[in-house]
Amino acid sequence: MYHQQRLNDEIAQVKLNILTMLSKSAYPAHHHLIQILDNKANNEWLDCAAEKLGPEYAILISRMTKLEAAVSQIEIGQYGYCCDCEEKISAKLLEQDPATQRCIKCAP
């Protein structure tokens, strides 16, 4: 599926961005966290990162959460349906952002 590949590619990119930020940090704890994250399975990676990273990573963690949710929706056959009204999300919205969770009527 095209959207699943885009989601997985973006998840990998967000992970790389987080790891790059950590590697450039002057804090030894951040370098230790890289080792911890490298040893986490994919399903544990986000939880560990969200728990241990500070507010400067909030945007990346939030995006990864949305991406992971969309992948989960694909796995259970609910991808492309609004999480509020359960109507189909337009192809245009999904093309703009494959992690979109709401249709045009329910989007904030």
C-alpha atoms as a PDB file:
ATOM      1  CA  MET A   1       0.000   0.000   0.000  1.00  0.00           C
ATOM      2  CA  TYR A   2       1.313   3.401  -1.013  1.00  0.00           C
ATOM      3  CA  HIS A   3       0.299   5.215   2.161  1.00  0.00           C
ATOM      4  CA  GLN A   4       1.771   2.519   4.386  1.00  0.00           C
ATOM      5  CA  GLN A   5       5.149   2.941   2.697  1.00  0.00           C
ATOM      6  CA  ARG A   6       4.977   6.713   3.112  1.00  0.00           C
ATOM      7  CA  LEU A   7       4.092   6.297   6.784  1.00  0.00           C
ATOM      8  CA  ASN A   8       6.916   3.828   7.383  1.00  0.00           C
ATOM      9  CA  ASP A   9       9.382   6.045   5.544  1.00  0.00           C
ATOM     10  CA  GLU A  10       8.393   9.060   7.629  1.00  0.00           C
ATOM     11  CA  ILE A  11       8.613   7.045  10.862  1.00  0.00           C
ATOM     12  CA  ALA A  12      12.163   6.084   9.916  1.00  0.00           C
ATOM     13  CA  GLN A  13      12.972   9.733   9.135  1.00  0.00           C
ATOM     14  CA  VAL A  14      11.565  10.994  12.444  1.00  0.00           C
ATOM     15  CA  LYS A  15      13.577   8.347  14.316  1.00  0.00           C
ATOM     16  CA  LEU A  16      16.686   9.432  12.457  1.00  0.00           C
ATOM     17  CA  ASN A  17      15.992  13.089  13.287  1.00  0.00           C
ATOM     18  CA  ILE A  18      15.642  12.253  16.978  1.00  0.00           C
ATOM     19  CA  LEU A  19      18.816  10.159  17.004  1.00  0.00           C
ATOM     20  CA  THR A  20      20.711  12.890  15.155  1.00  0.00           C
ATOM     21  CA  MET A  21      19.579  15.510  17.672  1.00  0.00           C
ATOM     22  CA  LEU A  22      20.626  13.231  20.531  1.00  0.00           C
ATOM     23  CA  SER A  23      24.029  12.566  18.974  1.00  0.00           C
ATOM     24  CA  LYS A  24      24.692  16.309  18.697  1.00  0.00           C
ATOM     25  CA  SER A  25      23.761  16.912  22.323  1.00  0.00           C
ATOM     26  CA  ALA A  26      26.393  17.827  24.879  1.00  0.00           C
ATOM     27  CA  TYR A  27      24.600  15.813  27.570  1.00  0.00           C
ATOM     28  CA  PRO A  28      26.096  12.350  28.273  1.00  0.00           C
ATOM     29  CA  ALA A  29      22.622  11.064  29.175  1.00  0.00           C
ATOM     30  CA  HIS A  30      21.512  11.726  25.594  1.00  0.00           C
ATOM     31  CA  HIS A  31      24.340   9.583  24.233  1.00  0.00           C
ATOM     32  CA  HIS A  32      23.340   6.814  26.637  1.00  0.00           C
ATOM     33  CA  LEU A  33      19.744   7.150  25.449  1.00  0.00           C
ATOM     34  CA  ILE A  34      20.869   6.481  21.872  1.00  0.00           C
ATOM     35  CA  GLN A  35      22.176   3.102  23.024  1.00  0.00           C
ATOM     36  CA  ILE A  36      18.930   2.370  24.851  1.00  0.00           C
ATOM     37  CA  LEU A  37      16.807   3.294  21.824  1.00  0.00           C
ATOM     38  CA  ASP A  38      19.004   1.252  19.491  1.00  0.00           C
ATOM     39  CA  ASN A  39      18.159  -1.825  21.559  1.00  0.00           C
ATOM     40  CA  LYS A  40      14.397  -1.233  21.652  1.00  0.00           C
ATOM     41  CA  ALA A  41      11.991  -3.066  19.392  1.00  0.00           C
ATOM     42  CA  ASN A  42       9.899  -0.874  17.104  1.00  0.00           C
ATOM     43  CA  ASN A  43       6.804  -1.279  19.271  1.00  0.00           C
ATOM     44  CA  GLU A  44       8.737  -0.054  22.348  1.00  0.00           C
ATOM     45  CA  TRP A  45      10.776   2.687  20.685  1.00  0.00           C
ATOM     46  CA  LEU A  46       8.179   5.444  20.757  1.00  0.00           C
ATOM     47  CA  ASP A  47       7.130   4.809  24.360  1.00  0.00           C
ATOM     48  CA  CYS A  48      10.727   4.853  25.544  1.00  0.00           C
ATOM     49  CA  ALA A  49      11.584   7.989  23.581  1.00  0.00           C
ATOM     50  CA  ALA A  50       8.444   9.807  24.753  1.00  0.00           C
ATOM     51  CA  GLU A  51       9.177   8.921  28.377  1.00  0.00           C
ATOM     52  CA  LYS A  52      12.829   9.949  28.360  1.00  0.00           C
ATOM     53  CA  LEU A  53      13.000  12.954  26.033  1.00  0.00           C
ATOM     54  CA  GLY A  54      12.405  16.554  27.009  1.00  0.00           C
ATOM     55  CA  PRO A  55      10.023  19.144  25.575  1.00  0.00           C
ATOM     56  CA  GLU A  56      12.403  20.062  22.767  1.00  0.00           C
ATOM     57  CA  TYR A  57      11.465  16.708  21.190  1.00  0.00           C
ATOM     58  CA  ALA A  58       7.687  17.111  21.657  1.00  0.00           C
ATOM     59  CA  ILE A  59       6.910  17.944  18.026  1.00  0.00           C
ATOM     60  CA  LEU A  60       8.816  14.907  16.755  1.00  0.00           C
ATOM     61  CA  ILE A  61       7.259  12.608  19.350  1.00  0.00           C
ATOM     62  CA  SER A  62       3.784  13.940  18.521  1.00  0.00           C
ATOM     63  CA  ARG A  63       4.313  13.342  14.813  1.00  0.00           C
ATOM     64  CA  MET A  64       5.623   9.845  15.394  1.00  0.00           C
ATOM     65  CA  THR A  65       2.585   9.086  17.564  1.00  0.00           C
ATOM     66  CA  LYS A  66       0.270  10.110  14.710  1.00  0.00           C
ATOM     67  CA  LEU A  67       2.262   8.077  12.202  1.00  0.00           C
ATOM     68  CA  GLU A  68       2.224   4.986  14.414  1.00  0.00           C
ATOM     69  CA  ALA A  69      -1.537   5.383  14.927  1.00  0.00           C
ATOM     70  CA  ALA A  70      -2.077   5.457  11.168  1.00  0.00           C
ATOM     71  CA  VAL A  71       0.013   2.300  10.717  1.00  0.00           C
ATOM     72  CA  SER A  72      -2.069   0.608  13.422  1.00  0.00           C
ATOM     73  CA  GLN A  73      -5.233   1.632  11.593  1.00  0.00           C
ATOM     74  CA  ILE A  74      -3.905  -0.015   8.431  1.00  0.00           C
ATOM     75  CA  GLU A  75      -3.219  -3.206  10.374  1.00  0.00           C
ATOM     76  CA  ILE A  76      -6.798  -3.399  11.683  1.00  0.00           C
ATOM     77  CA  GLY A  77      -8.446  -2.313   8.426  1.00  0.00           C
ATOM     78  CA  GLN A  78      -9.622   1.100   9.650  1.00  0.00           C
ATOM     79  CA  TYR A  79      -7.195   3.307   7.743  1.00  0.00           C
ATOM     80  CA  GLY A  80      -8.775   6.144   5.830  1.00  0.00           C
ATOM     81  CA  TYR A  81     -11.825   6.439   8.070  1.00  0.00           C
ATOM     82  CA  CYS A  82     -12.443   9.396  10.370  1.00  0.00           C
ATOM     83  CA  CYS A  83     -11.828   8.562  14.025  1.00  0.00           C
ATOM     84  CA  ASP A  84     -14.792  10.761  15.030  1.00  0.00           C
ATOM     85  CA  CYS A  85     -17.609  10.164  12.548  1.00  0.00           C
ATOM     86  CA  GLU A  86     -16.198   7.034  10.836  1.00  0.00           C
ATOM     87  CA  GLU A  87     -16.823   8.486   7.361  1.00  0.00           C
ATOM     88  CA  LYS A  88     -14.186   8.000   4.688  1.00  0.00           C
ATOM     89  CA  ILE A  89     -11.364  10.557   4.673  1.00  0.00           C
ATOM     90  CA  SER A  90     -10.868  12.054   1.222  1.00  0.00           C
ATOM     91  CA  ALA A  91      -7.984  10.817  -0.874  1.00  0.00           C
ATOM     92  CA  LYS A  92      -6.806  14.429  -1.163  1.00  0.00           C
ATOM     93  CA  LEU A  93      -6.440  14.763   2.627  1.00  0.00           C
ATOM     94  CA  LEU A  94      -4.642  11.413   2.885  1.00  0.00           C
ATOM     95  CA  GLU A  95      -2.326  12.441   0.062  1.00  0.00           C
ATOM     96  CA  GLN A  96      -1.475  15.684   1.868  1.00  0.00           C
ATOM     97  CA  ASP A  97      -0.843  13.834   5.133  1.00  0.00           C
ATOM     98  CA  PRO A  98      -1.138  10.038   5.274  1.00  0.00           C
ATOM     99  CA  ALA A  99      -1.388  10.237   9.081  1.00  0.00           C
ATOM    100  CA  THR A 100      -4.631  12.241   8.918  1.00  0.00           C
ATOM    101  CA  GLN A 101      -7.117  10.920  11.455  1.00  0.00           C
ATOM    102  CA  ARG A 102     -10.168  13.089  10.719  1.00  0.00           C
ATOM    103  CA  CYS A 103     -12.289  13.958   7.715  1.00  0.00           C
ATOM    104  CA  ILE A 104     -12.701  17.553   6.552  1.00  0.00           C
ATOM    105  CA  LYS A 105     -15.922  17.960   8.593  1.00  0.00           C
ATOM    106  CA  CYS A 106     -14.392  16.752  11.877  1.00  0.00           C
ATOM    107  CA  ALA A 107     -10.908  18.247  11.556  1.00  0.00           C
ATOM    108  CA  PRO A 108     -10.272  21.030  14.085  1.00  0.00           C
END
